[in-house]
């Protein structure tokens, strides 16, 4: 994937706390904020570039980066391993001038809205005082940022929802939401990669497979990606399903 060099402006002060003895949680802000999330990806890029000893996984989220590490790589000094790594992360953040940040991937996700694929579309339309067609149009018109992957493997939490179609979670969650279901919860939208329980308002479904555990990169979407939904009809949905992953 092509990369670009991103210059660091003076970033926020980092809050770093231990998560057990093998991970640190680095906090750069709070809430669903694109500017904060940009800083998250700059820090993740910086840590990837520097290849710190023992650091074997980085998990960017809305406003945090979780750093998983081997404490043995940071033992033997005057301070505990988590403190030694914490100080190094803060030092790098304060002194770094550039980081290689991958440009965001642009991903299109086909969605069949409403009917059996979107059983809550009518409810969302009613809550928002809009027609079902208007909800679909506004949902598909937005450009979304993948803020994090969580809840279940490959579940993408997306920010950028049009505020006029924001809707609360269902009062009673479903015991099983079909894989590929596209839902709304508050100011977020997301896609269920697997059949799991869930309480989001389901407005459509994609035939795309978002999680394939047999592949080297099992998740279709990654934090930092940009996403658009493309409406399709039931015939196109069935045709895509028959094509397989």
C-alpha atoms as a PDB file:
ATOM      1  CA  UNK A   1       0.000   0.000   0.000  1.00  0.00           C
ATOM      2  CA  UNK A   2       1.379   3.447  -0.854  1.00  0.00           C
ATOM      3  CA  UNK A   3       2.299   5.650   2.062  1.00  0.00           C
ATOM      4  CA  UNK A   4       2.848   9.332   2.692  1.00  0.00           C
ATOM      5  CA  UNK A   5       4.927  11.246   5.194  1.00  0.00           C
ATOM      6  CA  UNK A   6       2.795  13.191   7.637  1.00  0.00           C
ATOM      7  CA  UNK A   7       4.286  16.069   9.602  1.00  0.00           C
ATOM      8  CA  UNK A   8       3.476  16.210  13.299  1.00  0.00           C
ATOM      9  CA  UNK A   9       1.988  19.398  14.624  1.00  0.00           C
ATOM     10  CA  UNK A  10       2.172  19.730  18.386  1.00  0.00           C
ATOM     11  CA  UNK A  11      -0.173  16.922  19.350  1.00  0.00           C
ATOM     12  CA  UNK A  12      -2.229  16.449  22.485  1.00  0.00           C
ATOM     13  CA  UNK A  13      -0.625  15.409  25.746  1.00  0.00           C
ATOM     14  CA  UNK A  14      -0.705  11.653  25.973  1.00  0.00           C
ATOM     15  CA  UNK A  15      -2.353   9.816  28.830  1.00  0.00           C
ATOM     16  CA  UNK A  16      -0.779   6.377  29.182  1.00  0.00           C
ATOM     17  CA  UNK A  17      -2.029   3.722  31.567  1.00  0.00           C
ATOM     18  CA  UNK A  18      -1.272   0.043  32.093  1.00  0.00           C
ATOM     19  CA  UNK A  19      -3.736  -2.614  30.949  1.00  0.00           C
ATOM     20  CA  UNK A  20      -2.464  -5.527  32.972  1.00  0.00           C
ATOM     21  CA  UNK A  21       1.232  -6.314  32.565  1.00  0.00           C
ATOM     22  CA  UNK A  22       1.322  -6.757  28.770  1.00  0.00           C
ATOM     23  CA  UNK A  23      -0.463  -3.739  27.308  1.00  0.00           C
ATOM     24  CA  UNK A  24      -0.599   0.040  27.594  1.00  0.00           C
ATOM     25  CA  UNK A  25      -3.602   2.200  26.741  1.00  0.00           C
ATOM     26  CA  UNK A  26      -2.526   5.500  25.171  1.00  0.00           C
ATOM     27  CA  UNK A  27      -5.262   8.137  25.341  1.00  0.00           C
ATOM     28  CA  UNK A  28      -5.205  11.087  22.910  1.00  0.00           C
ATOM     29  CA  UNK A  29      -8.626  12.583  23.541  1.00  0.00           C
ATOM     30  CA  UNK A  30     -12.235  11.501  23.872  1.00  0.00           C
ATOM     31  CA  UNK A  31     -15.423  11.095  21.904  1.00  0.00           C
ATOM     32  CA  UNK A  32     -16.018  10.608  18.188  1.00  0.00           C
ATOM     33  CA  UNK A  33     -13.771  13.305  16.742  1.00  0.00           C
ATOM     34  CA  UNK A  34     -12.040  13.054  13.337  1.00  0.00           C
ATOM     35  CA  UNK A  35      -9.195  15.341  14.483  1.00  0.00           C
ATOM     36  CA  UNK A  36      -8.509  13.148  17.515  1.00  0.00           C
ATOM     37  CA  UNK A  37      -8.721  10.020  15.382  1.00  0.00           C
ATOM     38  CA  UNK A  38      -6.159  11.512  12.978  1.00  0.00           C
ATOM     39  CA  UNK A  39      -3.784  11.820  15.939  1.00  0.00           C
ATOM     40  CA  UNK A  40      -4.515   8.194  16.843  1.00  0.00           C
ATOM     41  CA  UNK A  41      -3.359   7.040  13.420  1.00  0.00           C
ATOM     42  CA  UNK A  42      -0.296   9.297  13.508  1.00  0.00           C
ATOM     43  CA  UNK A  43       0.751   7.738  16.799  1.00  0.00           C
ATOM     44  CA  UNK A  44       0.094   4.226  15.489  1.00  0.00           C
ATOM     45  CA  UNK A  45       2.175   5.016  12.380  1.00  0.00           C
ATOM     46  CA  UNK A  46       4.965   6.434  14.515  1.00  0.00           C
ATOM     47  CA  UNK A  47       5.098   3.331  16.711  1.00  0.00           C
ATOM     48  CA  UNK A  48       5.032   1.049  13.672  1.00  0.00           C
ATOM     49  CA  UNK A  49       7.906   2.998  12.104  1.00  0.00           C
ATOM     50  CA  UNK A  50      10.057   2.884  15.233  1.00  0.00           C
ATOM     51  CA  UNK A  51       9.607  -0.877  15.792  1.00  0.00           C
ATOM     52  CA  UNK A  52       9.993  -0.641  19.556  1.00  0.00           C
ATOM     53  CA  UNK A  53      11.387  -3.805  21.203  1.00  0.00           C
ATOM     54  CA  UNK A  54       8.753  -6.286  22.259  1.00  0.00           C
ATOM     55  CA  UNK A  55       5.813  -4.344  20.778  1.00  0.00           C
ATOM     56  CA  UNK A  56       3.882  -6.918  18.773  1.00  0.00           C
ATOM     57  CA  UNK A  57       0.440  -5.371  18.205  1.00  0.00           C
ATOM     58  CA  UNK A  58      -1.137  -1.918  17.963  1.00  0.00           C
ATOM     59  CA  UNK A  59      -4.902  -1.447  18.197  1.00  0.00           C
ATOM     60  CA  UNK A  60      -6.171   2.015  17.181  1.00  0.00           C
ATOM     61  CA  UNK A  61      -9.675   2.999  18.300  1.00  0.00           C
ATOM     62  CA  UNK A  62     -11.704   6.225  18.521  1.00  0.00           C
ATOM     63  CA  UNK A  63      -9.293   8.168  20.727  1.00  0.00           C
ATOM     64  CA  UNK A  64      -6.820   5.562  21.953  1.00  0.00           C
ATOM     65  CA  UNK A  65      -4.086   3.207  20.830  1.00  0.00           C
ATOM     66  CA  UNK A  66      -3.608  -0.020  22.759  1.00  0.00           C
ATOM     67  CA  UNK A  67       0.025  -1.145  22.674  1.00  0.00           C
ATOM     68  CA  UNK A  68       0.568  -4.852  23.281  1.00  0.00           C
ATOM     69  CA  UNK A  69       4.111  -5.770  24.270  1.00  0.00           C
ATOM     70  CA  UNK A  70       6.384  -8.373  25.813  1.00  0.00           C
ATOM     71  CA  UNK A  71       7.442  -7.051  29.244  1.00  0.00           C
ATOM     72  CA  UNK A  72      10.685  -9.062  29.068  1.00  0.00           C
ATOM     73  CA  UNK A  73      11.894  -6.665  26.358  1.00  0.00           C
ATOM     74  CA  UNK A  74      11.640  -3.773  28.829  1.00  0.00           C
ATOM     75  CA  UNK A  75      12.809  -5.436  32.032  1.00  0.00           C
ATOM     76  CA  UNK A  76      16.150  -5.090  33.793  1.00  0.00           C
ATOM     77  CA  UNK A  77      16.089  -1.316  34.147  1.00  0.00           C
ATOM     78  CA  UNK A  78      15.507   0.963  37.108  1.00  0.00           C
ATOM     79  CA  UNK A  79      11.754   1.161  36.484  1.00  0.00           C
ATOM     80  CA  UNK A  80       9.119  -1.518  35.783  1.00  0.00           C
ATOM     81  CA  UNK A  81       8.649  -2.579  32.140  1.00  0.00           C
ATOM     82  CA  UNK A  82       5.352  -0.728  31.706  1.00  0.00           C
ATOM     83  CA  UNK A  83       6.912   2.513  32.987  1.00  0.00           C
ATOM     84  CA  UNK A  84       9.950   2.162  30.732  1.00  0.00           C
ATOM     85  CA  UNK A  85       7.761   1.694  27.664  1.00  0.00           C
ATOM     86  CA  UNK A  86       5.420   4.491  28.752  1.00  0.00           C
ATOM     87  CA  UNK A  87       8.322   6.942  28.972  1.00  0.00           C
ATOM     88  CA  UNK A  88       9.622   5.914  25.546  1.00  0.00           C
ATOM     89  CA  UNK A  89       6.215   6.378  23.894  1.00  0.00           C
ATOM     90  CA  UNK A  90       5.870   9.855  25.411  1.00  0.00           C
ATOM     91  CA  UNK A  91       9.437  10.744  24.389  1.00  0.00           C
ATOM     92  CA  UNK A  92       8.806   9.692  20.798  1.00  0.00           C
ATOM     93  CA  UNK A  93       5.551  11.624  20.636  1.00  0.00           C
ATOM     94  CA  UNK A  94       7.215  14.788  21.901  1.00  0.00           C
ATOM     95  CA  UNK A  95      10.268  14.581  19.648  1.00  0.00           C
ATOM     96  CA  UNK A  96       8.953  13.046  16.409  1.00  0.00           C
ATOM     97  CA  UNK A  97       8.555  15.369  13.440  1.00  0.00           C
ATOM     98  CA  UNK A  98       7.184  13.024  10.800  1.00  0.00           C
ATOM     99  CA  UNK A  99       5.515   9.621  10.521  1.00  0.00           C
ATOM    100  CA  UNK A 100       4.626   7.466   7.538  1.00  0.00           C
ATOM    101  CA  UNK A 101       0.820   7.342   7.585  1.00  0.00           C
ATOM    102  CA  UNK A 102      -0.922   5.135   5.000  1.00  0.00           C
ATOM    103  CA  UNK A 103      -3.506   7.124   3.041  1.00  0.00           C
ATOM    104  CA  UNK A 104      -7.032   5.907   3.820  1.00  0.00           C
ATOM    105  CA  UNK A 105      -8.443   3.167   1.638  1.00  0.00           C
ATOM    106  CA  UNK A 106     -11.683   3.992  -0.142  1.00  0.00           C
ATOM    107  CA  UNK A 107     -14.153   1.108   0.174  1.00  0.00           C
ATOM    108  CA  UNK A 108     -17.638   0.696  -1.278  1.00  0.00           C
ATOM    109  CA  UNK A 109     -20.139  -1.609   0.433  1.00  0.00           C
ATOM    110  CA  UNK A 110     -23.292  -2.632  -1.463  1.00  0.00           C
ATOM    111  CA  UNK A 111     -26.435  -2.652   0.696  1.00  0.00           C
ATOM    112  CA  UNK A 112     -29.970  -3.835   0.079  1.00  0.00           C
ATOM    113  CA  UNK A 113     -32.117  -1.571   2.263  1.00  0.00           C
ATOM    114  CA  UNK A 114     -35.452  -2.301   3.888  1.00  0.00           C
ATOM    115  CA  UNK A 115     -37.807  -5.276   3.660  1.00  0.00           C
ATOM    116  CA  UNK A 116     -36.493  -8.522   5.096  1.00  0.00           C
ATOM    117  CA  UNK A 117     -32.964  -7.102   4.849  1.00  0.00           C
ATOM    118  CA  UNK A 118     -33.741  -3.982   6.906  1.00  0.00           C
ATOM    119  CA  UNK A 119     -36.566  -4.767   9.350  1.00  0.00           C
ATOM    120  CA  UNK A 120     -36.056  -1.524  11.334  1.00  0.00           C
ATOM    121  CA  UNK A 121     -35.983   0.882   8.394  1.00  0.00           C
ATOM    122  CA  UNK A 122     -39.631   1.874   8.895  1.00  0.00           C
ATOM    123  CA  UNK A 123     -39.022   2.467  12.612  1.00  0.00           C
ATOM    124  CA  UNK A 124     -35.996   4.666  11.920  1.00  0.00           C
ATOM    125  CA  UNK A 125     -37.965   6.623   9.321  1.00  0.00           C
ATOM    126  CA  UNK A 126     -40.766   7.169  11.823  1.00  0.00           C
ATOM    127  CA  UNK A 127     -38.385   8.243  14.605  1.00  0.00           C
ATOM    128  CA  UNK A 128     -36.702  10.730  12.263  1.00  0.00           C
ATOM    129  CA  UNK A 129     -39.936  11.982  10.648  1.00  0.00           C
ATOM    130  CA  UNK A 130     -38.632  11.012   7.217  1.00  0.00           C
ATOM    131  CA  UNK A 131     -39.718   8.635   4.488  1.00  0.00           C
ATOM    132  CA  UNK A 132     -37.888   5.345   4.104  1.00  0.00           C
ATOM    133  CA  UNK A 133     -36.488   6.574   0.782  1.00  0.00           C
ATOM    134  CA  UNK A 134     -35.095   9.676   2.481  1.00  0.00           C
ATOM    135  CA  UNK A 135     -33.398   7.595   5.193  1.00  0.00           C
ATOM    136  CA  UNK A 136     -31.802   5.393   2.532  1.00  0.00           C
ATOM    137  CA  UNK A 137     -30.672   8.383   0.476  1.00  0.00           C
ATOM    138  CA  UNK A 138     -29.103  10.122   3.470  1.00  0.00           C
ATOM    139  CA  UNK A 139     -27.437   6.963   4.752  1.00  0.00           C
ATOM    140  CA  UNK A 140     -25.921   6.222   1.344  1.00  0.00           C
ATOM    141  CA  UNK A 141     -24.862   9.821   0.668  1.00  0.00           C
ATOM    142  CA  UNK A 142     -22.450  10.084   3.593  1.00  0.00           C
ATOM    143  CA  UNK A 143     -18.745   9.279   3.618  1.00  0.00           C
ATOM    144  CA  UNK A 144     -17.861   7.252   6.692  1.00  0.00           C
ATOM    145  CA  UNK A 145     -14.669   6.795   8.651  1.00  0.00           C
ATOM    146  CA  UNK A 146     -13.867   3.397  10.163  1.00  0.00           C
ATOM    147  CA  UNK A 147     -13.018   4.417  13.706  1.00  0.00           C
ATOM    148  CA  UNK A 148     -12.401   0.982  15.178  1.00  0.00           C
ATOM    149  CA  UNK A 149     -12.971  -2.747  14.878  1.00  0.00           C
ATOM    150  CA  UNK A 150     -14.565  -4.380  17.888  1.00  0.00           C
ATOM    151  CA  UNK A 151     -17.514  -6.139  19.546  1.00  0.00           C
ATOM    152  CA  UNK A 152     -17.037  -9.143  17.250  1.00  0.00           C
ATOM    153  CA  UNK A 153     -14.308  -9.969  14.697  1.00  0.00           C
ATOM    154  CA  UNK A 154     -14.514  -7.525  11.806  1.00  0.00           C
ATOM    155  CA  UNK A 155     -17.302  -5.349  13.263  1.00  0.00           C
ATOM    156  CA  UNK A 156     -16.617  -1.825  11.981  1.00  0.00           C
ATOM    157  CA  UNK A 157     -17.757   1.177  13.998  1.00  0.00           C
ATOM    158  CA  UNK A 158     -18.391   3.983  11.509  1.00  0.00           C
ATOM    159  CA  UNK A 159     -18.591   7.715  12.169  1.00  0.00           C
ATOM    160  CA  UNK A 160     -19.993  10.329   9.814  1.00  0.00           C
ATOM    161  CA  UNK A 161     -23.694   9.481  10.015  1.00  0.00           C
ATOM    162  CA  UNK A 162     -26.083  12.240   8.946  1.00  0.00           C
ATOM    163  CA  UNK A 163     -27.496  13.571  12.230  1.00  0.00           C
ATOM    164  CA  UNK A 164     -31.014  13.642  10.766  1.00  0.00           C
ATOM    165  CA  UNK A 165     -31.127   9.813  10.693  1.00  0.00           C
ATOM    166  CA  UNK A 166     -29.534   9.150  14.083  1.00  0.00           C
ATOM    167  CA  UNK A 167     -31.695   6.720  16.046  1.00  0.00           C
ATOM    168  CA  UNK A 168     -31.466   5.055  19.470  1.00  0.00           C
ATOM    169  CA  UNK A 169     -30.702   1.390  19.935  1.00  0.00           C
ATOM    170  CA  UNK A 170     -33.656  -0.977  20.082  1.00  0.00           C
ATOM    171  CA  UNK A 171     -35.296  -1.259  23.484  1.00  0.00           C
ATOM    172  CA  UNK A 172     -35.026  -5.054  23.204  1.00  0.00           C
ATOM    173  CA  UNK A 173     -31.924  -6.443  21.435  1.00  0.00           C
ATOM    174  CA  UNK A 174     -32.321  -9.300  19.001  1.00  0.00           C
ATOM    175  CA  UNK A 175     -30.870 -12.672  19.951  1.00  0.00           C
ATOM    176  CA  UNK A 176     -29.505 -13.107  16.419  1.00  0.00           C
ATOM    177  CA  UNK A 177     -28.733 -10.418  13.845  1.00  0.00           C
ATOM    178  CA  UNK A 178     -27.826 -11.880  10.423  1.00  0.00           C
ATOM    179  CA  UNK A 179     -24.298 -11.482   9.122  1.00  0.00           C
ATOM    180  CA  UNK A 180     -23.948  -8.451   6.856  1.00  0.00           C
ATOM    181  CA  UNK A 181     -26.672  -6.463   8.612  1.00  0.00           C
ATOM    182  CA  UNK A 182     -26.205  -2.683   8.524  1.00  0.00           C
ATOM    183  CA  UNK A 183     -27.421  -0.877  11.616  1.00  0.00           C
ATOM    184  CA  UNK A 184     -27.728   2.512  13.269  1.00  0.00           C
ATOM    185  CA  UNK A 185     -27.150   3.277  16.949  1.00  0.00           C
ATOM    186  CA  UNK A 186     -27.095   6.919  17.967  1.00  0.00           C
ATOM    187  CA  UNK A 187     -24.662   8.826  15.746  1.00  0.00           C
ATOM    188  CA  UNK A 188     -22.952   5.666  14.530  1.00  0.00           C
ATOM    189  CA  UNK A 189     -23.615   3.115  11.848  1.00  0.00           C
ATOM    190  CA  UNK A 190     -22.014  -0.299  11.625  1.00  0.00           C
ATOM    191  CA  UNK A 191     -22.010  -3.662   9.874  1.00  0.00           C
ATOM    192  CA  UNK A 192     -22.426  -7.022  11.617  1.00  0.00           C
ATOM    193  CA  UNK A 193     -19.809  -9.361  10.099  1.00  0.00           C
ATOM    194  CA  UNK A 194     -21.170 -12.441  11.871  1.00  0.00           C
ATOM    195  CA  UNK A 195     -24.582 -13.603  13.085  1.00  0.00           C
ATOM    196  CA  UNK A 196     -24.607 -12.368  16.687  1.00  0.00           C
ATOM    197  CA  UNK A 197     -26.983 -10.821  19.216  1.00  0.00           C
ATOM    198  CA  UNK A 198     -27.357  -7.075  18.746  1.00  0.00           C
ATOM    199  CA  UNK A 199     -29.466  -4.059  19.573  1.00  0.00           C
ATOM    200  CA  UNK A 200     -28.772  -1.684  16.671  1.00  0.00           C
ATOM    201  CA  UNK A 201     -31.575  -0.578  14.347  1.00  0.00           C
ATOM    202  CA  UNK A 202     -31.154  -2.769  11.254  1.00  0.00           C
ATOM    203  CA  UNK A 203     -31.893  -0.851   8.042  1.00  0.00           C
ATOM    204  CA  UNK A 204     -30.242  -3.089   5.422  1.00  0.00           C
ATOM    205  CA  UNK A 205     -27.822  -5.878   4.655  1.00  0.00           C
ATOM    206  CA  UNK A 206     -24.718  -6.311   2.514  1.00  0.00           C
ATOM    207  CA  UNK A 207     -23.760  -9.507   0.665  1.00  0.00           C
ATOM    208  CA  UNK A 208     -20.093  -8.673   1.339  1.00  0.00           C
ATOM    209  CA  UNK A 209     -18.161 -10.934   3.718  1.00  0.00           C
ATOM    210  CA  UNK A 210     -16.531  -8.712   6.311  1.00  0.00           C
ATOM    211  CA  UNK A 211     -14.688 -11.442   8.186  1.00  0.00           C
ATOM    212  CA  UNK A 212     -13.002 -14.458   6.586  1.00  0.00           C
ATOM    213  CA  UNK A 213     -10.822 -16.175   9.226  1.00  0.00           C
ATOM    214  CA  UNK A 214      -9.035 -18.373   6.686  1.00  0.00           C
ATOM    215  CA  UNK A 215      -7.486 -15.373   4.913  1.00  0.00           C
ATOM    216  CA  UNK A 216      -4.190 -13.757   5.860  1.00  0.00           C
ATOM    217  CA  UNK A 217      -6.024 -10.469   6.468  1.00  0.00           C
ATOM    218  CA  UNK A 218      -9.366 -11.736   7.766  1.00  0.00           C
ATOM    219  CA  UNK A 219     -11.078  -8.338   8.178  1.00  0.00           C
ATOM    220  CA  UNK A 220     -12.342  -6.565   5.068  1.00  0.00           C
ATOM    221  CA  UNK A 221     -12.269  -3.187   6.823  1.00  0.00           C
ATOM    222  CA  UNK A 222      -9.535  -1.603   8.922  1.00  0.00           C
ATOM    223  CA  UNK A 223      -9.410   1.423  11.233  1.00  0.00           C
ATOM    224  CA  UNK A 224      -8.823   4.567   9.182  1.00  0.00           C
ATOM    225  CA  UNK A 225     -10.574   3.308   6.035  1.00  0.00           C
ATOM    226  CA  UNK A 226     -13.169   5.518   4.341  1.00  0.00           C
ATOM    227  CA  UNK A 227     -16.419   3.871   3.334  1.00  0.00           C
ATOM    228  CA  UNK A 228     -19.483   4.559   1.242  1.00  0.00           C
ATOM    229  CA  UNK A 229     -22.659   2.479   1.034  1.00  0.00           C
ATOM    230  CA  UNK A 230     -24.081   1.750  -2.424  1.00  0.00           C
ATOM    231  CA  UNK A 231     -27.797   0.828  -2.566  1.00  0.00           C
ATOM    232  CA  UNK A 232     -28.629  -2.351  -4.488  1.00  0.00           C
ATOM    233  CA  UNK A 233     -31.858  -4.267  -5.028  1.00  0.00           C
ATOM    234  CA  UNK A 234     -32.727  -7.772  -3.839  1.00  0.00           C
ATOM    235  CA  UNK A 235     -31.811  -9.305  -7.214  1.00  0.00           C
ATOM    236  CA  UNK A 236     -28.309  -7.828  -7.077  1.00  0.00           C
ATOM    237  CA  UNK A 237     -27.993  -8.982  -3.461  1.00  0.00           C
ATOM    238  CA  UNK A 238     -28.834 -12.566  -4.370  1.00  0.00           C
ATOM    239  CA  UNK A 239     -26.487 -12.499  -7.377  1.00  0.00           C
ATOM    240  CA  UNK A 240     -23.617 -11.262  -5.189  1.00  0.00           C
ATOM    241  CA  UNK A 241     -24.372 -13.913  -2.571  1.00  0.00           C
ATOM    242  CA  UNK A 242     -24.145 -16.669  -5.178  1.00  0.00           C
ATOM    243  CA  UNK A 243     -20.743 -15.373  -6.285  1.00  0.00           C
ATOM    244  CA  UNK A 244     -19.286 -16.175  -2.845  1.00  0.00           C
ATOM    245  CA  UNK A 245     -16.531 -14.305  -0.957  1.00  0.00           C
END
